[in-house]
PDB file of N, CA and C in Angstrom:
ATOM      1  N   MET A   1      83.585 -87.185-175.335  1.00  0.00           N
ATOM      2  CA  MET A   1      84.309 -87.495-175.926  1.00  0.00           C
ATOM      3  C   MET A   1      85.268 -86.084-175.851  1.00  0.00           C
ATOM      4  N   SER A   2      86.843 -86.250-176.038  1.00  0.00           N
ATOM      5  CA  SER A   2      87.516 -85.860-175.373  1.00  0.00           C
ATOM      6  C   SER A   2      87.629 -84.513-176.332  1.00  0.00           C
ATOM      7  N   SER A   3      87.996 -83.005-176.002  1.00  0.00           N
ATOM      8  CA  SER A   3      88.326 -82.075-177.042  1.00  0.00           C
ATOM      9  C   SER A   3      89.098 -81.991-178.145  1.00  0.00           C
ATOM     10  N   MET A   4      89.917 -82.899-177.436  1.00  0.00           N
ATOM     11  CA  MET A   4      91.181 -83.025-178.539  1.00  0.00           C
ATOM     12  C   MET A   4      90.569 -83.473-180.090  1.00  0.00           C
ATOM     13  N   MET A   5      89.672 -84.531-180.223  1.00  0.00           N
ATOM     14  CA  MET A   5      88.584 -84.791-180.989  1.00  0.00           C
ATOM     15  C   MET A   5      87.797 -84.178-182.075  1.00  0.00           C
ATOM     16  N   GLN A   6      87.200 -83.278-180.932  1.00  0.00           N
ATOM     17  CA  GLN A   6      86.201 -82.577-181.549  1.00  0.00           C
ATOM     18  C   GLN A   6      86.935 -81.527-182.287  1.00  0.00           C
ATOM     19  N   ASN A   7      85.970 -80.499-183.129  1.00  0.00           N
ATOM     20  CA  ASN A   7      86.244 -79.236-183.754  1.00  0.00           C
ATOM     21  C   ASN A   7      87.732 -79.270-184.561  1.00  0.00           C
ATOM     22  N   GLN A   8      87.930 -80.476-185.183  1.00  0.00           N
ATOM     23  CA  GLN A   8      89.537 -80.509-185.766  1.00  0.00           C
ATOM     24  C   GLN A   8      88.822 -80.892-187.270  1.00  0.00           C
ATOM     25  N   HIS A   9      89.408 -80.508-188.311  1.00  0.00           N
ATOM     26  CA  HIS A   9      89.956 -81.335-189.538  1.00  0.00           C
ATOM     27  C   HIS A   9      90.343 -82.635-189.441  1.00  0.00           C
ATOM     28  N   TRP A  10      89.458 -83.633-189.920  1.00  0.00           N
ATOM     29  CA  TRP A  10      89.631 -84.819-189.752  1.00  0.00           C
ATOM     30  C   TRP A  10      90.153 -85.326-191.429  1.00  0.00           C
ATOM     31  N   LYS A  11      91.403 -86.114-191.701  1.00  0.00           N
ATOM     32  CA  LYS A  11      91.700 -86.262-192.928  1.00  0.00           C
ATOM     33  C   LYS A  11      91.764 -87.872-192.666  1.00  0.00           C
ATOM     34  N   GLY A  12      90.414 -88.358-193.585  1.00  0.00           N
ATOM     35  CA  GLY A  12      90.445 -89.857-193.539  1.00  0.00           C
ATOM     36  C   GLY A  12      90.950 -90.042-195.093  1.00  0.00           C
ATOM     37  N   PRO A  13      90.952 -91.581-195.799  1.00  0.00           N
ATOM     38  CA  PRO A  13      91.261 -91.870-197.076  1.00  0.00           C
ATOM     39  C   PRO A  13      89.787 -90.957-197.609  1.00  0.00           C
ATOM     40  N   SER A  14      90.464 -90.403-198.892  1.00  0.00           N
ATOM     41  CA  SER A  14      89.890 -89.857-199.762  1.00  0.00           C
ATOM     42  C   SER A  14      90.454 -89.397-201.102  1.00  0.00           C
ATOM     43  N   THR A  15      89.539 -89.945-202.238  1.00  0.00           N
ATOM     44  CA  THR A  15      89.664 -89.751-203.606  1.00  0.00           C
ATOM     45  C   THR A  15      89.691 -88.683-204.038  1.00  0.00           C
ATOM     46  N   SER A  16      89.383 -87.627-203.437  1.00  0.00           N
ATOM     47  CA  SER A  16      89.409 -86.132-204.246  1.00  0.00           C
ATOM     48  C   SER A  16      90.141 -85.042-203.264  1.00  0.00           C
ATOM     49  N   LEU A  17      90.853 -84.131-203.717  1.00  0.00           N
ATOM     50  CA  LEU A  17      91.671 -83.280-202.877  1.00  0.00           C
ATOM     51  C   LEU A  17      91.090 -82.445-201.737  1.00  0.00           C
ATOM     52  N   MET A  18      89.802 -82.956-201.482  1.00  0.00           N
ATOM     53  CA  MET A  18      89.142 -82.229-200.791  1.00  0.00           C
ATOM     54  C   MET A  18      88.985 -82.925-199.100  1.00  0.00           C
ATOM     55  N   PRO A  19      89.501 -82.240-198.217  1.00  0.00           N
ATOM     56  CA  PRO A  19      89.775 -83.423-196.719  1.00  0.00           C
ATOM     57  C   PRO A  19      88.477 -83.127-196.126  1.00  0.00           C
ATOM     58  N   TYR A  20      88.052 -84.669-195.439  1.00  0.00           N
ATOM     59  CA  TYR A  20      86.897 -85.040-194.668  1.00  0.00           C
ATOM     60  C   TYR A  20      86.554 -83.846-193.584  1.00  0.00           C
ATOM     61  N   GLU A  21      85.470 -83.572-193.224  1.00  0.00           N
ATOM     62  CA  GLU A  21      85.122 -82.698-191.909  1.00  0.00           C
ATOM     63  C   GLU A  21      84.717 -83.462-191.072  1.00  0.00           C
ATOM     64  N   LEU A  22      85.211 -83.544-189.745  1.00  0.00           N
ATOM     65  CA  LEU A  22      84.298 -83.707-189.057  1.00  0.00           C
ATOM     66  C   LEU A  22      82.926 -83.006-188.840  1.00  0.00           C
ATOM     67  N   GLU A  23      81.591 -83.723-188.848  1.00  0.00           N
ATOM     68  CA  GLU A  23      80.450 -82.753-188.537  1.00  0.00           C
ATOM     69  C   GLU A  23      79.894 -83.536-187.448  1.00  0.00           C
ATOM     70  N   GLU A  24      80.208 -84.739-186.444  1.00  0.00           N
ATOM     71  CA  GLU A  24      79.469 -85.022-185.482  1.00  0.00           C
ATOM     72  C   GLU A  24      80.000 -86.186-185.183  1.00  0.00           C
ATOM     73  N   ILE A  25      80.096 -86.751-183.772  1.00  0.00           N
ATOM     74  CA  ILE A  25      80.274 -88.514-183.068  1.00  0.00           C
ATOM     75  C   ILE A  25      78.829 -88.515-183.054  1.00  0.00           C
ATOM     76  N   VAL A  26      78.384 -89.688-184.055  1.00  0.00           N
ATOM     77  CA  VAL A  26      77.128 -90.137-183.540  1.00  0.00           C
ATOM     78  C   VAL A  26      77.033 -90.467-182.330  1.00  0.00           C
ATOM     79  N   HIS A  27      78.039 -91.693-182.273  1.00  0.00           N
ATOM     80  CA  HIS A  27      77.775 -92.765-181.100  1.00  0.00           C
ATOM     81  C   HIS A  27      79.725 -92.885-180.648  1.00  0.00           C
ATOM     82  N   ALA A  28      79.470 -93.194-179.676  1.00  0.00           N
ATOM     83  CA  ALA A  28      81.048 -93.395-179.106  1.00  0.00           C
ATOM     84  C   ALA A  28      80.956 -94.767-178.126  1.00  0.00           C
ATOM     85  N   ASN A  29      81.835 -95.311-177.815  1.00  0.00           N
ATOM     86  CA  ASN A  29      82.045 -96.686-176.897  1.00  0.00           C
ATOM     87  C   ASN A  29      83.595 -96.909-176.947  1.00  0.00           C
ATOM     88  N   ALA A  30      83.605 -96.802-175.526  1.00  0.00           N
ATOM     89  CA  ALA A  30      85.258 -96.996-175.080  1.00  0.00           C
ATOM     90  C   ALA A  30      85.618 -98.370-174.462  1.00  0.00           C
ATOM     91  N   GLU A  31      86.551 -98.805-174.630  1.00  0.00           N
ATOM     92  CA  GLU A  31      86.466-100.190-174.091  1.00  0.00           C
ATOM     93  C   GLU A  31      88.409-100.412-173.476  1.00  0.00           C
ATOM     94  N   VAL A  32      88.606-100.806-172.197  1.00  0.00           N
ATOM     95  CA  VAL A  32      90.080-100.839-171.964  1.00  0.00           C
ATOM     96  C   VAL A  32      90.522-102.455-172.478  1.00  0.00           C
ATOM     97  N   VAL A  33      91.759-102.509-172.972  1.00  0.00           N
ATOM     98  CA  VAL A  33      91.513-104.220-173.605  1.00  0.00           C
ATOM     99  C   VAL A  33      93.755-104.017-173.272  1.00  0.00           C
ATOM    100  N   GLU A  34      93.820-104.543-172.604  1.00  0.00           N
ATOM    101  CA  GLU A  34      95.543-104.893-172.260  1.00  0.00           C
ATOM    102  C   GLU A  34      95.542-103.447-171.873  1.00  0.00           C
ATOM    103  N   ASP A  35      96.951-103.151-172.839  1.00  0.00           N
ATOM    104  CA  ASP A  35      97.557-101.525-172.561  1.00  0.00           C
ATOM    105  C   ASP A  35      97.250-100.758-173.435  1.00  0.00           C
ATOM    106  N   PHE A  36      95.915-101.010-173.818  1.00  0.00           N
ATOM    107  CA  PHE A  36      95.337 -99.917-174.926  1.00  0.00           C
ATOM    108  C   PHE A  36      93.617 -99.768-174.391  1.00  0.00           C
ATOM    109  N   ALA A  37      93.400 -98.426-174.757  1.00  0.00           N
ATOM    110  CA  ALA A  37      91.824 -98.241-174.749  1.00  0.00           C
ATOM    111  C   ALA A  37      91.245 -98.696-176.571  1.00  0.00           C
ATOM    112  N   LYS A  38      89.803 -98.951-176.377  1.00  0.00           N
ATOM    113  CA  LYS A  38      89.637 -99.627-177.684  1.00  0.00           C
ATOM    114  C   LYS A  38      88.388 -98.790-178.132  1.00  0.00           C
ATOM    115  N   LEU A  39      88.745 -97.618-178.775  1.00  0.00           N
ATOM    116  CA  LEU A  39      87.266 -96.702-179.012  1.00  0.00           C
ATOM    117  C   LEU A  39      86.800 -97.032-180.351  1.00  0.00           C
ATOM    118  N   GLU A  40      85.257 -97.320-180.197  1.00  0.00           N
ATOM    119  CA  GLU A  40      84.408 -97.950-181.411  1.00  0.00           C
ATOM    120  C   GLU A  40      83.892 -96.565-181.327  1.00  0.00           C
ATOM    121  N   MET A  41      83.407 -95.903-182.845  1.00  0.00           N
ATOM    122  CA  MET A  41      82.750 -94.557-182.799  1.00  0.00           C
ATOM    123  C   MET A  41      82.138 -94.857-184.395  1.00  0.00           C
ATOM    124  N   LEU A  42      81.057 -93.873-184.361  1.00  0.00           N
ATOM    125  CA  LEU A  42      80.132 -93.804-185.417  1.00  0.00           C
ATOM    126  C   LEU A  42      80.197 -92.040-186.137  1.00  0.00           C
ATOM    127  N   LEU A  43      80.940 -91.951-186.872  1.00  0.00           N
ATOM    128  CA  LEU A  43      81.386 -90.276-187.297  1.00  0.00           C
ATOM    129  C   LEU A  43      80.319 -90.056-188.365  1.00  0.00           C
ATOM    130  N   LYS A  44      80.027 -88.822-188.304  1.00  0.00           N
ATOM    131  CA  LYS A  44      79.548 -88.221-189.466  1.00  0.00           C
ATOM    132  C   LYS A  44      80.381 -86.892-190.242  1.00  0.00           C
ATOM    133  N   VAL A  45      80.670 -87.500-191.540  1.00  0.00           N
ATOM    134  CA  VAL A  45      81.636 -86.396-191.495  1.00  0.00           C
ATOM    135  C   VAL A  45      80.944 -85.641-193.393  1.00  0.00           C
ATOM    136  N   LYS A  46      82.038 -84.474-193.626  1.00  0.00           N
ATOM    137  CA  LYS A  46      81.328 -84.076-194.625  1.00  0.00           C
ATOM    138  C   LYS A  46      82.913 -83.972-195.627  1.00  0.00           C
ATOM    139  N   ARG A  47      82.483 -84.210-196.760  1.00  0.00           N
ATOM    140  CA  ARG A  47      83.786 -84.047-197.653  1.00  0.00           C
ATOM    141  C   ARG A  47      82.726 -82.556-198.826  1.00  0.00           C
ATOM    142  N   GLY A  48      83.325 -81.587-199.176  1.00  0.00           N
ATOM    143  CA  GLY A  48      82.427 -80.710-200.083  1.00  0.00           C
ATOM    144  C   GLY A  48      81.053 -80.849-199.454  1.00  0.00           C
ATOM    145  N   ASP A  49      80.101 -80.938-200.557  1.00  0.00           N
ATOM    146  CA  ASP A  49      78.297 -80.945-199.897  1.00  0.00           C
ATOM    147  C   ASP A  49      78.011 -82.295-199.940  1.00  0.00           C
ATOM    148  N   LYS A  50      79.066 -83.523-199.808  1.00  0.00           N
ATOM    149  CA  LYS A  50      78.500 -84.418-199.346  1.00  0.00           C
ATOM    150  C   LYS A  50      78.821 -84.774-198.204  1.00  0.00           C
ATOM    151  N   GLU A  51      77.430 -85.616-197.595  1.00  0.00           N
ATOM    152  CA  GLU A  51      77.800 -86.264-195.924  1.00  0.00           C
ATOM    153  C   GLU A  51      78.284 -87.576-196.344  1.00  0.00           C
ATOM    154  N   GLU A  52      78.725 -88.494-195.423  1.00  0.00           N
ATOM    155  CA  GLU A  52      78.773 -89.927-195.043  1.00  0.00           C
ATOM    156  C   GLU A  52      78.859 -90.502-193.654  1.00  0.00           C
ATOM    157  N   LYS A  53      78.648 -91.519-193.564  1.00  0.00           N
ATOM    158  CA  LYS A  53      79.017 -91.805-192.058  1.00  0.00           C
ATOM    159  C   LYS A  53      79.933 -93.039-192.088  1.00  0.00           C
ATOM    160  N   PHE A  54      80.951 -93.139-191.430  1.00  0.00           N
ATOM    161  CA  PHE A  54      81.952 -94.050-191.013  1.00  0.00           C
ATOM    162  C   PHE A  54      81.626 -94.795-189.466  1.00  0.00           C
ATOM    163  N   LYS A  55      81.921 -96.447-189.492  1.00  0.00           N
ATOM    164  CA  LYS A  55      82.063 -96.500-188.136  1.00  0.00           C
ATOM    165  C   LYS A  55      83.590 -96.868-188.464  1.00  0.00           C
ATOM    166  N   VAL A  56      84.169 -96.161-187.244  1.00  0.00           N
ATOM    167  CA  VAL A  56      85.983 -96.310-186.983  1.00  0.00           C
ATOM    168  C   VAL A  56      86.192 -97.364-185.785  1.00  0.00           C
ATOM    169  N   GLU A  57      87.468 -97.988-185.745  1.00  0.00           N
ATOM    170  CA  GLU A  57      88.090 -98.542-184.035  1.00  0.00           C
ATOM    171  C   GLU A  57      89.251 -97.450-184.100  1.00  0.00           C
ATOM    172  N   VAL A  58      89.555 -96.865-183.372  1.00  0.00           N
ATOM    173  CA  VAL A  58      90.678 -96.518-182.994  1.00  0.00           C
ATOM    174  C   VAL A  58      91.266 -96.897-181.566  1.00  0.00           C
ATOM    175  N   HIS A  59      92.616 -97.335-181.535  1.00  0.00           N
ATOM    176  CA  HIS A  59      93.168 -97.641-180.427  1.00  0.00           C
ATOM    177  C   HIS A  59      93.995 -96.587-179.925  1.00  0.00           C
ATOM    178  N   HIS A  60      93.618 -96.175-178.652  1.00  0.00           N
ATOM    179  CA  HIS A  60      94.910 -95.023-177.762  1.00  0.00           C
ATOM    180  C   HIS A  60      95.816 -96.007-176.764  1.00  0.00           C
ATOM    181  N   LYS A  61      96.951 -95.767-177.202  1.00  0.00           N
ATOM    182  CA  LYS A  61      98.154 -96.736-176.375  1.00  0.00           C
ATOM    183  C   LYS A  61      98.121 -95.572-175.502  1.00  0.00           C
ATOM    184  N   SER A  62      99.066 -96.774-174.578  1.00  0.00           N
ATOM    185  CA  SER A  62      99.220 -95.995-173.465  1.00  0.00           C
ATOM    186  C   SER A  62     100.272 -95.305-173.127  1.00  0.00           C
ATOM    187  N   ASN A  63     101.217 -95.259-174.348  1.00  0.00           N
ATOM    188  CA  ASN A  63     102.001 -94.188-174.894  1.00  0.00           C
ATOM    189  C   ASN A  63     101.706 -92.828-175.221  1.00  0.00           C
ATOM    190  N   GLY A  64     100.243 -93.050-175.333  1.00  0.00           N
ATOM    191  CA  GLY A  64      99.551 -91.757-175.826  1.00  0.00           C
ATOM    192  C   GLY A  64      99.029 -91.837-177.271  1.00  0.00           C
ATOM    193  N   THR A  65      99.618 -92.512-177.638  1.00  0.00           N
ATOM    194  CA  THR A  65      99.593 -92.556-179.603  1.00  0.00           C
ATOM    195  C   THR A  65      97.961 -93.228-179.577  1.00  0.00           C
ATOM    196  N   PHE A  66      98.014 -92.668-180.978  1.00  0.00           N
ATOM    197  CA  PHE A  66      96.439 -93.035-181.535  1.00  0.00           C
ATOM    198  C   PHE A  66      96.714 -93.664-182.863  1.00  0.00           C
ATOM    199  N   HIS A  67      95.836 -95.112-182.866  1.00  0.00           N
ATOM    200  CA  HIS A  67      96.241 -95.918-184.074  1.00  0.00           C
ATOM    201  C   HIS A  67      94.937 -96.185-184.710  1.00  0.00           C
ATOM    202  N   LEU A  68      94.439 -95.756-186.143  1.00  0.00           N
ATOM    203  CA  LEU A  68      93.427 -96.041-186.974  1.00  0.00           C
ATOM    204  C   LEU A  68      93.205 -97.611-187.095  1.00  0.00           C
ATOM    205  N   ASN A  69      92.587 -98.078-186.406  1.00  0.00           N
ATOM    206  CA  ASN A  69      92.497 -99.615-186.838  1.00  0.00           C
ATOM    207  C   ASN A  69      91.590-100.158-187.457  1.00  0.00           C
ATOM    208  N   SER A  70      90.188 -99.588-187.636  1.00  0.00           N
ATOM    209  CA  SER A  70      89.680-100.090-189.234  1.00  0.00           C
ATOM    210  C   SER A  70      88.605 -98.550-189.049  1.00  0.00           C
ATOM    211  N   MET A  71      88.363 -98.572-190.319  1.00  0.00           N
ATOM    212  CA  MET A  71      87.482 -97.332-190.713  1.00  0.00           C
ATOM    213  C   MET A  71      86.512 -98.127-192.204  1.00  0.00           C
ATOM    214  N   LEU A  72      85.136 -98.619-191.845  1.00  0.00           N
ATOM    215  CA  LEU A  72      84.154 -98.786-192.991  1.00  0.00           C
ATOM    216  C   LEU A  72      83.223 -97.694-192.888  1.00  0.00           C
ATOM    217  N   PRO A  73      82.858 -97.483-194.150  1.00  0.00           N
ATOM    218  CA  PRO A  73      81.787 -96.842-194.804  1.00  0.00           C
ATOM    219  C   PRO A  73      80.047 -97.460-193.889  1.00  0.00           C
ATOM    220  N   ASP A  74      79.321 -96.354-193.257  1.00  0.00           N
ATOM    221  CA  ASP A  74      78.224 -96.970-192.526  1.00  0.00           C
ATOM    222  C   ASP A  74      77.004 -96.620-193.798  1.00  0.00           C
ATOM    223  N   HIS A  75      76.138 -97.387-193.982  1.00  0.00           N
ATOM    224  CA  HIS A  75      75.253 -96.862-195.380  1.00  0.00           C
ATOM    225  C   HIS A  75      73.806 -97.285-194.060  1.00  0.00           C
ATOM    226  N   SER A  76      73.667 -97.218-192.954  1.00  0.00           N
ATOM    227  CA  SER A  76      72.174 -96.354-192.074  1.00  0.00           C
ATOM    228  C   SER A  76      71.730 -95.382-192.792  1.00  0.00           C
TER     229      SER A  76
END
């Protein structure tokens, strides 16, 4: 995974004032689809003392932008 996505505070949806912190990229898969790369990842994040996992799909477009396509809680 690119170093750009590691070691950064990741601000996802939150019902509190504390941002999510990326703890670990548990699994990642990438696939090129038309003019973008589709990244499917399982992320372990932390908010305060609580750890959570999310399945996310991110599109990396050919112009260099990233788009969060979906983000679902993972209860495994």
